[in-house]
C-alpha cells in the first residue's frame, strides 16, 4: 500500500498559495512566515535598505536558564551516594530523577 502526504503552504498575508517559508529575526525574536513568491519579494525589498546597512551577527544563543535554584547538576555517583545516605537515614527519596533539594542540602550539611 502506498501513502502520499502533501503539504500545502498557505500565504500568511493573503490566504493564497505560498511557495516558501521565510525566516527572519527582529529585536531578538525569530519569526517564520509562509509567503507566495510575490509577498516574499515584497518583504525582502522592504527590508533591503536595512539589511544593506546592517552588519551580520552570529547566531544568538538563548541564555541558559539555571534550574534548581542555582544548584549545580549532580554526577551519577554523587546522586547514588545521596540516595543511599537518604535511605539509610529513613528519608523518602525516589529511585530515579531529580533528588529533592532539601535532601541534597541535608546530605551536604552532614558531609
Protein backbone atom coordinates (compact mmCIF):
# COMPACT_ATOMS: atom_id res chain seq x y z
CA UNK A 1 0.00 0.00 0.00
CA UNK A 2 1.32 3.46 -0.88
CA UNK A 3 0.74 6.65 1.02
CA UNK A 4 1.26 10.17 -0.21
CA UNK A 5 1.34 13.09 2.17
CA UNK A 6 1.11 16.53 0.64
CA UNK A 7 1.99 19.70 2.50
CA UNK A 8 0.41 22.84 1.11
CA UNK A 9 1.65 26.20 2.34
CA UNK A 10 -0.88 28.99 2.73
CA UNK A 11 0.32 32.59 2.44
CA UNK A 12 0.01 34.11 5.90
CA UNK A 13 -0.74 37.55 4.44
CA UNK A 14 -3.35 36.97 1.78
CA UNK A 15 -4.53 33.37 2.27
CA UNK A 16 -3.40 32.27 -1.19
CA UNK A 17 -0.90 29.56 -2.02
CA UNK A 18 2.55 30.12 -0.52
CA UNK A 19 5.81 28.97 -2.10
CA UNK A 20 8.22 29.27 0.81
CA UNK A 21 8.69 29.85 4.49
CA UNK A 22 10.73 32.97 5.18
CA UNK A 23 12.62 33.18 8.46
CA UNK A 24 13.75 36.47 9.97
CA UNK A 25 14.56 37.98 13.35
CA UNK A 26 13.92 41.35 14.93
CA UNK A 27 14.76 42.61 18.41
CA UNK A 28 16.00 39.18 19.49
CA UNK A 29 12.88 37.31 18.43
CA UNK A 30 12.88 34.89 15.50
CA UNK A 31 9.90 34.66 13.18
CA UNK A 32 8.77 32.47 10.29
CA UNK A 33 6.11 33.34 7.77
CA UNK A 34 4.75 31.39 4.80
CA UNK A 35 4.63 33.59 1.70
CA UNK A 36 4.00 33.47 -2.02
CA UNK A 37 6.84 34.49 -4.31
CA UNK A 38 5.27 37.94 -4.73
CA UNK A 39 4.89 38.58 -0.98
CA UNK A 40 8.35 37.15 -0.19
CA UNK A 41 9.82 39.61 -2.71
CA UNK A 42 7.87 42.47 -1.11
CA UNK A 43 9.25 41.53 2.32
CA UNK A 44 12.81 41.26 1.05
CA UNK A 45 12.53 44.50 -0.93
CA UNK A 46 11.14 46.28 2.15
CA UNK A 47 14.00 45.08 4.32
CA UNK A 48 16.73 45.56 1.71
CA UNK A 49 17.74 49.11 2.79
CA UNK A 50 18.08 48.00 6.41
CA UNK A 51 19.86 44.74 5.58
CA UNK A 52 22.22 46.63 3.27
CA UNK A 53 23.28 48.98 6.06
CA UNK A 54 23.40 46.38 8.83
CA UNK A 55 26.26 44.17 9.93
CA UNK A 56 25.89 40.40 10.18
CA UNK A 57 25.63 38.92 13.60
CA UNK A 58 26.29 35.33 14.53
CA UNK A 59 23.54 33.13 15.76
CA UNK A 60 22.48 34.29 19.17
CA UNK A 61 22.12 31.53 21.71
CA UNK A 62 19.29 31.85 24.14
CA UNK A 63 20.54 32.48 27.66
CA UNK A 64 20.76 29.25 29.63
CA UNK A 65 18.26 29.01 32.39
CA UNK A 66 19.53 27.57 35.62
CA UNK A 67 17.31 25.12 37.38
CA UNK A 68 17.15 24.02 40.95
CA UNK A 69 17.70 27.42 42.49
CA UNK A 70 21.21 27.72 41.12
CA UNK A 71 22.46 24.37 42.39
CA UNK A 72 24.88 22.51 40.18
CA UNK A 73 23.90 19.29 38.45
CA UNK A 74 24.86 16.20 40.39
CA UNK A 75 27.02 13.47 38.94
CA UNK A 76 25.57 9.96 38.83
CA UNK A 77 27.99 8.84 41.50
CA UNK A 78 27.10 11.67 43.84
CA UNK A 79 23.39 11.10 43.20
CA UNK A 80 23.83 7.42 44.09
CA UNK A 81 25.69 8.38 47.28
CA UNK A 82 22.97 10.85 48.27
CA UNK A 83 20.21 8.32 47.60
CA UNK A 84 21.99 5.66 49.67
CA UNK A 85 22.60 8.13 52.50
CA UNK A 86 18.98 9.32 52.43
CA UNK A 87 17.60 5.77 52.55
CA UNK A 88 19.93 4.85 55.41
CA UNK A 89 18.56 7.84 57.34
CA UNK A 90 14.92 6.99 56.65
CA UNK A 91 14.34 9.80 54.16
CA UNK A 92 11.94 9.26 51.27
CA UNK A 93 13.91 9.57 48.01
CA UNK A 94 12.94 8.45 44.52
CA UNK A 95 14.93 5.75 42.73
CA UNK A 96 15.30 7.91 39.62
CA UNK A 97 15.03 11.52 38.58
CA UNK A 98 15.68 14.70 40.48
CA UNK A 99 16.56 14.49 44.14
CA UNK A 100 14.68 16.98 46.28
CA UNK A 101 16.82 19.98 47.17
CA UNK A 102 16.04 19.51 50.88
CA UNK A 103 17.66 16.07 50.79
CA UNK A 104 20.70 17.33 48.86
CA UNK A 105 21.14 20.19 51.34
CA UNK A 106 20.82 17.82 54.30
CA UNK A 107 23.41 15.48 52.74
CA UNK A 108 25.78 18.40 52.15
CA UNK A 109 25.44 19.56 55.78
CA UNK A 110 26.33 16.07 57.01
CA UNK A 111 29.32 15.55 54.72
